[in-house]
Amino acid sequence: MKKNKIISFEELHCWKACRNVRRYVMELIKKFPPEEKYALTDGMRRSSRSTTENIAEGFGRYHFQENIQFCRHSRGSLHELIDQLITALDEEYITKSEYSNGKELIKRALGLLNG
């Protein structure tokens, strides 16, 4: 019996979960105040993009150990996003519900990356 081989990072469940995180963050930051444009907004945009970009880059290396290292970078960016969500909550840019929803998406992505 032949296994189905993954031919693109787009097929990876962890990449899909991180993509959902990125999409959520991009919608969330649209309502942040203008003075955060080059601070929290930019940081969250970069962190969320880093999650998917690192998975894609690691996949493209075709070497297991390098791929793992890039997944670790993605995991770090997800943890960074949790801290940024906490900051956004503390600054009252987002609601507790928005924070909880974002954290749940991140937890799912972390579970898949760790699995």
PDB file of N, CA and C in Angstrom:
ATOM      1  N   MET A   1       0.849  -1.188   0.000  1.00  0.00           N
ATOM      2  CA  MET A   1       0.000   0.000   0.000  1.00  0.00           C
ATOM      3  C   MET A   1       0.882   1.235   0.000  1.00  0.00           C
ATOM      4  N   LYS A   2       0.602   2.130  -0.893  1.00  0.00           N
ATOM      5  CA  LYS A   2       1.398   3.340  -1.061  1.00  0.00           C
ATOM      6  C   LYS A   2       0.787   4.494  -0.275  1.00  0.00           C
ATOM      7  N   LYS A   3       1.630   5.198   0.484  1.00  0.00           N
ATOM      8  CA  LYS A   3       1.167   6.365   1.237  1.00  0.00           C
ATOM      9  C   LYS A   3       1.012   7.550   0.298  1.00  0.00           C
ATOM     10  N   ASN A   4       0.029   8.387   0.615  1.00  0.00           N
ATOM     11  CA  ASN A   4      -0.116   9.634  -0.131  1.00  0.00           C
ATOM     12  C   ASN A   4       0.967  10.591   0.340  1.00  0.00           C
ATOM     13  N   LYS A   5       1.778  11.040  -0.578  1.00  0.00           N
ATOM     14  CA  LYS A   5       2.863  11.939  -0.229  1.00  0.00           C
ATOM     15  C   LYS A   5       2.387  13.390  -0.347  1.00  0.00           C
ATOM     16  N   ILE A   6       2.753  14.165   0.649  1.00  0.00           N
ATOM     17  CA  ILE A   6       2.422  15.586   0.633  1.00  0.00           C
ATOM     18  C   ILE A   6       3.379  16.261  -0.340  1.00  0.00           C
ATOM     19  N   ILE A   7       2.817  16.971  -1.314  1.00  0.00           N
ATOM     20  CA  ILE A   7       3.671  17.598  -2.324  1.00  0.00           C
ATOM     21  C   ILE A   7       3.768  19.108  -2.184  1.00  0.00           C
ATOM     22  N   SER A   8       2.947  19.682  -1.291  1.00  0.00           N
ATOM     23  CA  SER A   8       2.984  21.125  -1.097  1.00  0.00           C
ATOM     24  C   SER A   8       2.722  21.451   0.375  1.00  0.00           C
ATOM     25  N   PHE A   9       3.369  22.483   0.857  1.00  0.00           N
ATOM     26  CA  PHE A   9       3.130  22.928   2.229  1.00  0.00           C
ATOM     27  C   PHE A   9       1.671  23.310   2.440  1.00  0.00           C
ATOM     28  N   GLU A  10       0.975  23.662   1.372  1.00  0.00           N
ATOM     29  CA  GLU A  10      -0.428  24.054   1.467  1.00  0.00           C
ATOM     30  C   GLU A  10      -1.327  22.911   1.924  1.00  0.00           C
ATOM     31  N   GLU A  11      -0.826  21.696   1.849  1.00  0.00           N
ATOM     32  CA  GLU A  11      -1.582  20.522   2.289  1.00  0.00           C
ATOM     33  C   GLU A  11      -1.411  20.246   3.781  1.00  0.00           C
ATOM     34  N   LEU A  12      -0.432  20.873   4.405  1.00  0.00           N
ATOM     35  CA  LEU A  12      -0.141  20.615   5.811  1.00  0.00           C
ATOM     36  C   LEU A  12      -1.205  21.232   6.720  1.00  0.00           C
ATOM     37  N   HIS A  13      -1.709  20.439   7.644  1.00  0.00           N
ATOM     38  CA  HIS A  13      -2.732  20.925   8.574  1.00  0.00           C
ATOM     39  C   HIS A  13      -2.199  22.054   9.456  1.00  0.00           C
ATOM     40  N   CYS A  14      -0.934  21.965   9.837  1.00  0.00           N
ATOM     41  CA  CYS A  14      -0.364  23.029  10.680  1.00  0.00           C
ATOM     42  C   CYS A  14      -0.284  24.346   9.902  1.00  0.00           C
ATOM     43  N   TRP A  15       0.032  24.286   8.608  1.00  0.00           N
ATOM     44  CA  TRP A  15       0.077  25.508   7.794  1.00  0.00           C
ATOM     45  C   TRP A  15      -1.329  26.101   7.670  1.00  0.00           C
ATOM     46  N   LYS A  16      -2.321  25.233   7.454  1.00  0.00           N
ATOM     47  CA  LYS A  16      -3.706  25.700   7.337  1.00  0.00           C
ATOM     48  C   LYS A  16      -4.169  26.367   8.627  1.00  0.00           C
ATOM     49  N   ALA A  17      -3.801  25.790   9.770  1.00  0.00           N
ATOM     50  CA  ALA A  17      -4.186  26.371  11.061  1.00  0.00           C
ATOM     51  C   ALA A  17      -3.509  27.723  11.263  1.00  0.00           C
ATOM     52  N   CYS A  18      -2.246  27.823  10.881  1.00  0.00           N
ATOM     53  CA  CYS A  18      -1.537  29.101  10.995  1.00  0.00           C
ATOM     54  C   CYS A  18      -2.111  30.132  10.030  1.00  0.00           C
ATOM     55  N   ARG A  19      -2.558  29.682   8.889  1.00  0.00           N
ATOM     56  CA  ARG A  19      -3.204  30.587   7.935  1.00  0.00           C
ATOM     57  C   ARG A  19      -4.477  31.169   8.545  1.00  0.00           C
ATOM     58  N   ASN A  20      -5.237  30.333   9.259  1.00  0.00           N
ATOM     59  CA  ASN A  20      -6.439  30.829   9.943  1.00  0.00           C
ATOM     60  C   ASN A  20      -6.079  31.869  10.994  1.00  0.00           C
ATOM     61  N   VAL A  21      -4.986  31.634  11.710  1.00  0.00           N
ATOM     62  CA  VAL A  21      -4.516  32.605  12.702  1.00  0.00           C
ATOM     63  C   VAL A  21      -4.180  33.917  12.004  1.00  0.00           C
ATOM     64  N   ARG A  22      -3.420  33.821  10.920  1.00  0.00           N
ATOM     65  CA  ARG A  22      -3.014  35.026  10.182  1.00  0.00           C
ATOM     66  C   ARG A  22      -4.220  35.813   9.693  1.00  0.00           C
ATOM     67  N   ARG A  23      -5.186  35.128   9.135  1.00  0.00           N
ATOM     68  CA  ARG A  23      -6.391  35.798   8.639  1.00  0.00           C
ATOM     69  C   ARG A  23      -7.143  36.485   9.781  1.00  0.00           C
ATOM     70  N   TYR A  24      -7.235  35.811  10.913  1.00  0.00           N
ATOM     71  CA  TYR A  24      -7.924  36.382  12.068  1.00  0.00           C
ATOM     72  C   TYR A  24      -7.214  37.653  12.537  1.00  0.00           C
ATOM     73  N   VAL A  25      -5.906  37.573  12.660  1.00  0.00           N
ATOM     74  CA  VAL A  25      -5.118  38.717  13.118  1.00  0.00           C
ATOM     75  C   VAL A  25      -5.247  39.885  12.143  1.00  0.00           C
ATOM     76  N   MET A  26      -5.199  39.610  10.854  1.00  0.00           N
ATOM     77  CA  MET A  26      -5.280  40.679   9.862  1.00  0.00           C
ATOM     78  C   MET A  26      -6.620  41.413   9.948  1.00  0.00           C
ATOM     79  N   GLU A  27      -7.688  40.701  10.241  1.00  0.00           N
ATOM     80  CA  GLU A  27      -8.993  41.352  10.418  1.00  0.00           C
ATOM     81  C   GLU A  27      -9.029  42.144  11.722  1.00  0.00           C
ATOM     82  N   LEU A  28      -8.451  41.578  12.755  1.00  0.00           N
ATOM     83  CA  LEU A  28      -8.458  42.204  14.073  1.00  0.00           C
ATOM     84  C   LEU A  28      -7.724  43.543  14.082  1.00  0.00           C
ATOM     85  N   ILE A  29      -6.562  43.583  13.454  1.00  0.00           N
ATOM     86  CA  ILE A  29      -5.729  44.794  13.533  1.00  0.00           C
ATOM     87  C   ILE A  29      -6.274  45.953  12.699  1.00  0.00           C
ATOM     88  N   LYS A  30      -7.239  45.686  11.849  1.00  0.00           N
ATOM     89  CA  LYS A  30      -7.827  46.752  11.041  1.00  0.00           C
ATOM     90  C   LYS A  30      -8.501  47.818  11.903  1.00  0.00           C
ATOM     91  N   LYS A  31      -8.906  47.433  13.098  1.00  0.00           N
ATOM     92  CA  LYS A  31      -9.609  48.390  13.942  1.00  0.00           C
ATOM     93  C   LYS A  31      -8.707  49.045  14.993  1.00  0.00           C
ATOM     94  N   PHE A  32      -7.426  48.742  14.974  1.00  0.00           N
ATOM     95  CA  PHE A  32      -6.499  49.346  15.925  1.00  0.00           C
ATOM     96  C   PHE A  32      -6.306  50.830  15.591  1.00  0.00           C
ATOM     97  N   PRO A  33      -5.993  51.626  16.597  1.00  0.00           N
ATOM     98  CA  PRO A  33      -5.819  53.063  16.345  1.00  0.00           C
ATOM     99  C   PRO A  33      -4.597  53.356  15.472  1.00  0.00           C
ATOM    100  N   PRO A  34      -4.629  54.461  14.754  1.00  0.00           N
ATOM    101  CA  PRO A  34      -3.532  54.810  13.844  1.00  0.00           C
ATOM    102  C   PRO A  34      -2.156  54.890  14.518  1.00  0.00           C
ATOM    103  N   GLU A  35      -2.126  55.295  15.782  1.00  0.00           N
ATOM    104  CA  GLU A  35      -0.821  55.423  16.445  1.00  0.00           C
ATOM    105  C   GLU A  35      -0.134  54.070  16.669  1.00  0.00           C
ATOM    106  N   GLU A  36      -0.864  53.000  16.497  1.00  0.00           N
ATOM    107  CA  GLU A  36      -0.276  51.654  16.625  1.00  0.00           C
ATOM    108  C   GLU A  36       0.214  51.101  15.288  1.00  0.00           C
ATOM    109  N   LYS A  37       0.057  51.865  14.217  1.00  0.00           N
ATOM    110  CA  LYS A  37       0.394  51.377  12.881  1.00  0.00           C
ATOM    111  C   LYS A  37       1.812  50.819  12.793  1.00  0.00           C
ATOM    112  N   TYR A  38       2.774  51.482  13.388  1.00  0.00           N
ATOM    113  CA  TYR A  38       4.163  51.041  13.298  1.00  0.00           C
ATOM    114  C   TYR A  38       4.643  50.381  14.584  1.00  0.00           C
ATOM    115  N   ALA A  39       3.707  50.064  15.455  1.00  0.00           N
ATOM    116  CA  ALA A  39       4.066  49.421  16.717  1.00  0.00           C
ATOM    117  C   ALA A  39       3.350  48.072  16.812  1.00  0.00           C
ATOM    118  N   LEU A  40       2.300  48.007  17.603  1.00  0.00           N
ATOM    119  CA  LEU A  40       1.610  46.740  17.835  1.00  0.00           C
ATOM    120  C   LEU A  40       1.013  46.155  16.559  1.00  0.00           C
ATOM    121  N   THR A  41       0.398  46.984  15.747  1.00  0.00           N
ATOM    122  CA  THR A  41      -0.206  46.503  14.495  1.00  0.00           C
ATOM    123  C   THR A  41       0.843  45.857  13.603  1.00  0.00           C
ATOM    124  N   ASP A  42       1.965  46.532  13.436  1.00  0.00           N
ATOM    125  CA  ASP A  42       3.042  45.997  12.595  1.00  0.00           C
ATOM    126  C   ASP A  42       3.609  44.710  13.186  1.00  0.00           C
ATOM    127  N   GLY A  43       3.787  44.685  14.496  1.00  0.00           N
ATOM    128  CA  GLY A  43       4.318  43.485  15.145  1.00  0.00           C
ATOM    129  C   GLY A  43       3.406  42.289  14.976  1.00  0.00           C
ATOM    130  N   MET A  44       2.117  42.511  15.139  1.00  0.00           N
ATOM    131  CA  MET A  44       1.158  41.415  14.989  1.00  0.00           C
ATOM    132  C   MET A  44       1.073  40.943  13.541  1.00  0.00           C
ATOM    133  N   ARG A  45       1.154  41.880  12.619  1.00  0.00           N
ATOM    134  CA  ARG A  45       1.146  41.509  11.198  1.00  0.00           C
ATOM    135  C   ARG A  45       2.364  40.632  10.882  1.00  0.00           C
ATOM    136  N   ARG A  46       3.517  41.054  11.351  1.00  0.00           N
ATOM    137  CA  ARG A  46       4.751  40.305  11.080  1.00  0.00           C
ATOM    138  C   ARG A  46       4.741  38.927  11.747  1.00  0.00           C
ATOM    139  N   SER A  47       4.304  38.875  12.999  1.00  0.00           N
ATOM    140  CA  SER A  47       4.253  37.597  13.710  1.00  0.00           C
ATOM    141  C   SER A  47       3.306  36.616  13.034  1.00  0.00           C
ATOM    142  N   SER A  48       2.137  37.117  12.650  1.00  0.00           N
ATOM    143  CA  SER A  48       1.153  36.226  12.031  1.00  0.00           C
ATOM    144  C   SER A  48       1.628  35.725  10.674  1.00  0.00           C
ATOM    145  N   ARG A  49       2.295  36.573   9.936  1.00  0.00           N
ATOM    146  CA  ARG A  49       2.821  36.144   8.637  1.00  0.00           C
ATOM    147  C   ARG A  49       3.978  35.172   8.797  1.00  0.00           C
ATOM    148  N   SER A  50       4.758  35.383   9.818  1.00  0.00           N
ATOM    149  CA  SER A  50       5.910  34.525  10.084  1.00  0.00           C
ATOM    150  C   SER A  50       5.489  33.078  10.340  1.00  0.00           C
ATOM    151  N   THR A  51       4.304  32.896  10.930  1.00  0.00           N
ATOM    152  CA  THR A  51       3.870  31.532  11.246  1.00  0.00           C
ATOM    153  C   THR A  51       3.756  30.673   9.992  1.00  0.00           C
ATOM    154  N   THR A  52       3.118  31.195   8.960  1.00  0.00           N
ATOM    155  CA  THR A  52       2.953  30.419   7.720  1.00  0.00           C
ATOM    156  C   THR A  52       4.230  30.421   6.875  1.00  0.00           C
ATOM    157  N   GLU A  53       4.921  31.548   6.873  1.00  0.00           N
ATOM    158  CA  GLU A  53       6.138  31.653   6.047  1.00  0.00           C
ATOM    159  C   GLU A  53       7.210  30.663   6.491  1.00  0.00           C
ATOM    160  N   ASN A  54       7.363  30.495   7.793  1.00  0.00           N
ATOM    161  CA  ASN A  54       8.381  29.570   8.281  1.00  0.00           C
ATOM    162  C   ASN A  54       8.035  28.116   7.973  1.00  0.00           C
ATOM    163  N   ILE A  55       6.770  27.767   8.059  1.00  0.00           N
ATOM    164  CA  ILE A  55       6.363  26.410   7.693  1.00  0.00           C
ATOM    165  C   ILE A  55       6.647  26.164   6.220  1.00  0.00           C
ATOM    166  N   ALA A  56       6.302  27.139   5.387  1.00  0.00           N
ATOM    167  CA  ALA A  56       6.541  27.004   3.944  1.00  0.00           C
ATOM    168  C   ALA A  56       8.032  26.883   3.646  1.00  0.00           C
ATOM    169  N   GLU A  57       8.841  27.730   4.279  1.00  0.00           N
ATOM    170  CA  GLU A  57      10.279  27.684   4.017  1.00  0.00           C
ATOM    171  C   GLU A  57      10.885  26.373   4.493  1.00  0.00           C
ATOM    172  N   GLY A  58      10.487  25.939   5.675  1.00  0.00           N
ATOM    173  CA  GLY A  58      11.001  24.665   6.188  1.00  0.00           C
ATOM    174  C   GLY A  58      10.633  23.496   5.292  1.00  0.00           C
ATOM    175  N   PHE A  59       9.412  23.509   4.790  1.00  0.00           N
ATOM    176  CA  PHE A  59       8.966  22.454   3.881  1.00  0.00           C
ATOM    177  C   PHE A  59       9.832  22.429   2.623  1.00  0.00           C
ATOM    178  N   GLY A  60      10.174  23.605   2.150  1.00  0.00           N
ATOM    179  CA  GLY A  60      10.960  23.714   0.922  1.00  0.00           C
ATOM    180  C   GLY A  60      12.421  23.321   1.076  1.00  0.00           C
ATOM    181  N   ARG A  61      12.891  23.140   2.287  1.00  0.00           N
ATOM    182  CA  ARG A  61      14.282  22.752   2.510  1.00  0.00           C
ATOM    183  C   ARG A  61      14.528  21.271   2.249  1.00  0.00           C
ATOM    184  N   TYR A  62      13.492  20.466   2.256  1.00  0.00           N
ATOM    185  CA  TYR A  62      13.580  19.024   1.997  1.00  0.00           C
ATOM    186  C   TYR A  62      14.569  18.299   2.920  1.00  0.00           C
ATOM    187  N   HIS A  63      14.746  18.828   4.098  1.00  0.00           N
ATOM    188  CA  HIS A  63      15.613  18.177   5.071  1.00  0.00           C
ATOM    189  C   HIS A  63      14.887  18.222   6.410  1.00  0.00           C
ATOM    190  N   PHE A  64      14.711  17.058   7.009  1.00  0.00           N
ATOM    191  CA  PHE A  64      13.900  16.927   8.208  1.00  0.00           C
ATOM    192  C   PHE A  64      14.340  17.864   9.328  1.00  0.00           C
ATOM    193  N   GLN A  65      15.632  17.898   9.639  1.00  0.00           N
ATOM    194  CA  GLN A  65      16.119  18.718  10.744  1.00  0.00           C
ATOM    195  C   GLN A  65      15.917  20.218  10.484  1.00  0.00           C
ATOM    196  N   GLU A  66      16.140  20.641   9.250  1.00  0.00           N
ATOM    197  CA  GLU A  66      15.907  22.055   8.926  1.00  0.00           C
ATOM    198  C   GLU A  66      14.426  22.394   9.026  1.00  0.00           C
ATOM    199  N   ASN A  67      13.590  21.469   8.570  1.00  0.00           N
ATOM    200  CA  ASN A  67      12.152  21.677   8.639  1.00  0.00           C
ATOM    201  C   ASN A  67      11.716  21.855  10.093  1.00  0.00           C
ATOM    202  N   ILE A  68      12.242  21.033  10.971  1.00  0.00           N
ATOM    203  CA  ILE A  68      11.916  21.144  12.396  1.00  0.00           C
ATOM    204  C   ILE A  68      12.301  22.512  12.929  1.00  0.00           C
ATOM    205  N   GLN A  69      13.469  22.994  12.551  1.00  0.00           N
ATOM    206  CA  GLN A  69      13.927  24.304  13.030  1.00  0.00           C
ATOM    207  C   GLN A  69      12.969  25.417  12.590  1.00  0.00           C
ATOM    208  N   PHE A  70      12.504  25.359  11.366  1.00  0.00           N
ATOM    209  CA  PHE A  70      11.572  26.383  10.883  1.00  0.00           C
ATOM    210  C   PHE A  70      10.220  26.268  11.587  1.00  0.00           C
ATOM    211  N   CYS A  71       9.819  25.052  11.924  1.00  0.00           N
ATOM    212  CA  CYS A  71       8.582  24.871  12.699  1.00  0.00           C
ATOM    213  C   CYS A  71       8.737  25.469  14.095  1.00  0.00           C
ATOM    214  N   ARG A  72       9.935  25.379  14.653  1.00  0.00           N
ATOM    215  CA  ARG A  72      10.186  26.014  15.959  1.00  0.00           C
ATOM    216  C   ARG A  72      10.061  27.528  15.863  1.00  0.00           C
ATOM    217  N   HIS A  73      10.540  28.090  14.772  1.00  0.00           N
ATOM    218  CA  HIS A  73      10.396  29.539  14.564  1.00  0.00           C
ATOM    219  C   HIS A  73       8.911  29.912  14.481  1.00  0.00           C
ATOM    220  N   SER A  74       8.148  29.101  13.770  1.00  0.00           N
ATOM    221  CA  SER A  74       6.714  29.342  13.638  1.00  0.00           C
ATOM    222  C   SER A  74       6.045  29.262  15.012  1.00  0.00           C
ATOM    223  N   ARG A  75       6.436  28.277  15.786  1.00  0.00           N
ATOM    224  CA  ARG A  75       5.885  28.127  17.140  1.00  0.00           C
ATOM    225  C   ARG A  75       6.213  29.354  17.991  1.00  0.00           C
ATOM    226  N   GLY A  76       7.432  29.851  17.878  1.00  0.00           N
ATOM    227  CA  GLY A  76       7.814  31.060  18.603  1.00  0.00           C
ATOM    228  C   GLY A  76       6.966  32.255  18.212  1.00  0.00           C
ATOM    229  N   SER A  77       6.682  32.376  16.927  1.00  0.00           N
ATOM    230  CA  SER A  77       5.836  33.480  16.453  1.00  0.00           C
ATOM    231  C   SER A  77       4.415  33.361  16.991  1.00  0.00           C
ATOM    232  N   LEU A  78       3.925  32.144  17.134  1.00  0.00           N
ATOM    233  CA  LEU A  78       2.587  31.960  17.702  1.00  0.00           C
ATOM    234  C   LEU A  78       2.553  32.401  19.164  1.00  0.00           C
ATOM    235  N   HIS A  79       3.599  32.080  19.908  1.00  0.00           N
ATOM    236  CA  HIS A  79       3.667  32.523  21.300  1.00  0.00           C
ATOM    237  C   HIS A  79       3.806  34.040  21.384  1.00  0.00           C
ATOM    238  N   GLU A  80       4.546  34.609  20.467  1.00  0.00           N
ATOM    239  CA  GLU A  80       4.663  36.066  20.400  1.00  0.00           C
ATOM    240  C   GLU A  80       3.291  36.696  20.160  1.00  0.00           C
ATOM    241  N   LEU A  81       2.503  36.069  19.304  1.00  0.00           N
ATOM    242  CA  LEU A  81       1.155  36.572  19.031  1.00  0.00           C
ATOM    243  C   LEU A  81       0.263  36.534  20.265  1.00  0.00           C
ATOM    244  N   ILE A  82       0.419  35.510  21.091  1.00  0.00           N
ATOM    245  CA  ILE A  82      -0.369  35.457  22.328  1.00  0.00           C
ATOM    246  C   ILE A  82      -0.054  36.684  23.182  1.00  0.00           C
ATOM    247  N   ASP A  83       1.226  36.987  23.321  1.00  0.00           N
ATOM    248  CA  ASP A  83       1.615  38.164  24.099  1.00  0.00           C
ATOM    249  C   ASP A  83       1.060  39.440  23.469  1.00  0.00           C
ATOM    250  N   GLN A  84       1.087  39.529  22.161  1.00  0.00           N
ATOM    251  CA  GLN A  84       0.564  40.711  21.478  1.00  0.00           C
ATOM    252  C   GLN A  84      -0.951  40.828  21.641  1.00  0.00           C
ATOM    253  N   LEU A  85      -1.643  39.695  21.651  1.00  0.00           N
ATOM    254  CA  LEU A  85      -3.082  39.718  21.911  1.00  0.00           C
ATOM    255  C   LEU A  85      -3.365  40.209  23.329  1.00  0.00           C
ATOM    256  N   ILE A  86      -2.539  39.786  24.274  1.00  0.00           N
ATOM    257  CA  ILE A  86      -2.691  40.249  25.658  1.00  0.00           C
ATOM    258  C   ILE A  86      -2.490  41.762  25.726  1.00  0.00           C
ATOM    259  N   THR A  87      -1.488  42.259  25.018  1.00  0.00           N
ATOM    260  CA  THR A  87      -1.254  43.705  24.979  1.00  0.00           C
ATOM    261  C   THR A  87      -2.453  44.424  24.384  1.00  0.00           C
ATOM    262  N   ALA A  88      -2.972  43.895  23.282  1.00  0.00           N
ATOM    263  CA  ALA A  88      -4.146  44.507  22.640  1.00  0.00           C
ATOM    264  C   ALA A  88      -5.349  44.500  23.582  1.00  0.00           C
ATOM    265  N   LEU A  89      -5.495  43.430  24.349  1.00  0.00           N
ATOM    266  CA  LEU A  89      -6.579  43.348  25.329  1.00  0.00           C
ATOM    267  C   LEU A  89      -6.364  44.375  26.441  1.00  0.00           C
ATOM    268  N   ASP A  90      -5.144  44.441  26.955  1.00  0.00           N
ATOM    269  CA  ASP A  90      -4.823  45.405  28.016  1.00  0.00           C
ATOM    270  C   ASP A  90      -5.036  46.849  27.574  1.00  0.00           C
ATOM    271  N   GLU A  91      -4.754  47.127  26.313  1.00  0.00           N
ATOM    272  CA  GLU A  91      -4.928  48.481  25.776  1.00  0.00           C
ATOM    273  C   GLU A  91      -6.363  48.745  25.320  1.00  0.00           C
ATOM    274  N   GLU A  92      -7.199  47.717  25.458  1.00  0.00           N
ATOM    275  CA  GLU A  92      -8.623  47.779  25.093  1.00  0.00           C
ATOM    276  C   GLU A  92      -8.846  48.005  23.594  1.00  0.00           C
ATOM    277  N   TYR A  93      -7.945  47.438  22.788  1.00  0.00           N
ATOM    278  CA  TYR A  93      -8.127  47.460  21.333  1.00  0.00           C
ATOM    279  C   TYR A  93      -8.998  46.299  20.882  1.00  0.00           C
ATOM    280  N   ILE A  94      -9.032  45.241  21.709  1.00  0.00           N
ATOM    281  CA  ILE A  94      -9.856  44.077  21.410  1.00  0.00           C
ATOM    282  C   ILE A  94     -10.667  43.712  22.650  1.00  0.00           C
ATOM    283  N   THR A  95     -11.724  42.952  22.430  1.00  0.00           N
ATOM    284  CA  THR A  95     -12.566  42.493  23.531  1.00  0.00           C
ATOM    285  C   THR A  95     -12.022  41.181  24.097  1.00  0.00           C
ATOM    286  N   LYS A  96     -12.530  40.786  25.240  1.00  0.00           N
ATOM    287  CA  LYS A  96     -12.147  39.492  25.828  1.00  0.00           C
ATOM    288  C   LYS A  96     -12.535  38.347  24.890  1.00  0.00           C
ATOM    289  N   SER A  97     -13.652  38.494  24.228  1.00  0.00           N
ATOM    290  CA  SER A  97     -14.107  37.472  23.283  1.00  0.00           C
ATOM    291  C   SER A  97     -13.148  37.357  22.096  1.00  0.00           C
ATOM    292  N   GLU A  98     -12.716  38.491  21.567  1.00  0.00           N
ATOM    293  CA  GLU A  98     -11.762  38.478  20.446  1.00  0.00           C
ATOM    294  C   GLU A  98     -10.441  37.866  20.885  1.00  0.00           C
ATOM    295  N   TYR A  99     -10.020  38.191  22.114  1.00  0.00           N
ATOM    296  CA  TYR A  99      -8.804  37.591  22.657  1.00  0.00           C
ATOM    297  C   TYR A  99      -8.954  36.076  22.755  1.00  0.00           C
ATOM    298  N   SER A 100     -10.064  35.626  23.325  1.00  0.00           N
ATOM    299  CA  SER A 100     -10.308  34.184  23.493  1.00  0.00           C
ATOM    300  C   SER A 100     -10.350  33.462  22.155  1.00  0.00           C
ATOM    301  N   ASN A 101     -11.018  34.060  21.179  1.00  0.00           N
ATOM    302  CA  ASN A 101     -11.088  33.449  19.847  1.00  0.00           C
ATOM    303  C   ASN A 101      -9.704  33.336  19.220  1.00  0.00           C
ATOM    304  N   GLY A 102      -8.913  34.392  19.340  1.00  0.00           N
ATOM    305  CA  GLY A 102      -7.557  34.358  18.807  1.00  0.00           C
ATOM    306  C   GLY A 102      -6.703  33.334  19.512  1.00  0.00           C
ATOM    307  N   LYS A 103      -6.815  33.268  20.829  1.00  0.00           N
ATOM    308  CA  LYS A 103      -6.023  32.304  21.591  1.00  0.00           C
ATOM    309  C   LYS A 103      -6.400  30.875  21.225  1.00  0.00           C
ATOM    310  N   GLU A 104      -7.681  30.616  21.001  1.00  0.00           N
ATOM    311  CA  GLU A 104      -8.120  29.274  20.592  1.00  0.00           C
ATOM    312  C   GLU A 104      -7.536  28.887  19.235  1.00  0.00           C
ATOM    313  N   LEU A 105      -7.539  29.815  18.294  1.00  0.00           N
ATOM    314  CA  LEU A 105      -6.939  29.542  16.982  1.00  0.00           C
ATOM    315  C   LEU A 105      -5.444  29.248  17.127  1.00  0.00           C
ATOM    316  N   ILE A 106      -4.781  30.007  17.979  1.00  0.00           N
ATOM    317  CA  ILE A 106      -3.346  29.813  18.208  1.00  0.00           C
ATOM    318  C   ILE A 106      -3.098  28.470  18.892  1.00  0.00           C
ATOM    319  N   LYS A 107      -3.919  28.127  19.879  1.00  0.00           N
ATOM    320  CA  LYS A 107      -3.759  26.838  20.561  1.00  0.00           C
ATOM    321  C   LYS A 107      -3.896  25.680  19.578  1.00  0.00           C
ATOM    322  N   ARG A 108      -4.840  25.795  18.675  1.00  0.00           N
ATOM    323  CA  ARG A 108      -5.020  24.738  17.666  1.00  0.00           C
ATOM    324  C   ARG A 108      -3.786  24.623  16.783  1.00  0.00           C
ATOM    325  N   ALA A 109      -3.279  25.769  16.338  1.00  0.00           N
ATOM    326  CA  ALA A 109      -2.083  25.773  15.493  1.00  0.00           C
ATOM    327  C   ALA A 109      -0.885  25.195  16.250  1.00  0.00           C
ATOM    328  N   LEU A 110      -0.734  25.577  17.504  1.00  0.00           N
ATOM    329  CA  LEU A 110       0.377  25.055  18.316  1.00  0.00           C
ATOM    330  C   LEU A 110       0.262  23.541  18.488  1.00  0.00           C
ATOM    331  N   GLY A 111      -0.945  23.063  18.711  1.00  0.00           N
ATOM    332  CA  GLY A 111      -1.155  21.621  18.853  1.00  0.00           C
ATOM    333  C   GLY A 111      -0.740  20.867  17.605  1.00  0.00           C
ATOM    334  N   LEU A 112      -1.065  21.405  16.455  1.00  0.00           N
ATOM    335  CA  LEU A 112      -0.692  20.750  15.194  1.00  0.00           C
ATOM    336  C   LEU A 112       0.800  20.838  14.949  1.00  0.00           C
ATOM    337  N   LEU A 113       1.397  21.979  15.278  1.00  0.00           N
ATOM    338  CA  LEU A 113       2.850  22.112  15.112  1.00  0.00           C
ATOM    339  C   LEU A 113       3.608  21.192  16.055  1.00  0.00           C
ATOM    340  N   ASN A 114       3.108  21.033  17.264  1.00  0.00           N
ATOM    341  CA  ASN A 114       3.765  20.181  18.247  1.00  0.00           C
ATOM    342  C   ASN A 114       3.523  18.700  17.995  1.00  0.00           C
ATOM    343  N   GLY A 115       2.452  18.401  17.241  1.00  0.00           N
ATOM    344  CA  GLY A 115       2.062  17.009  17.018  1.00  0.00           C
ATOM    345  C   GLY A 115       2.907  16.361  15.991  1.00  0.00           C
TER     346      GLY A 115
END
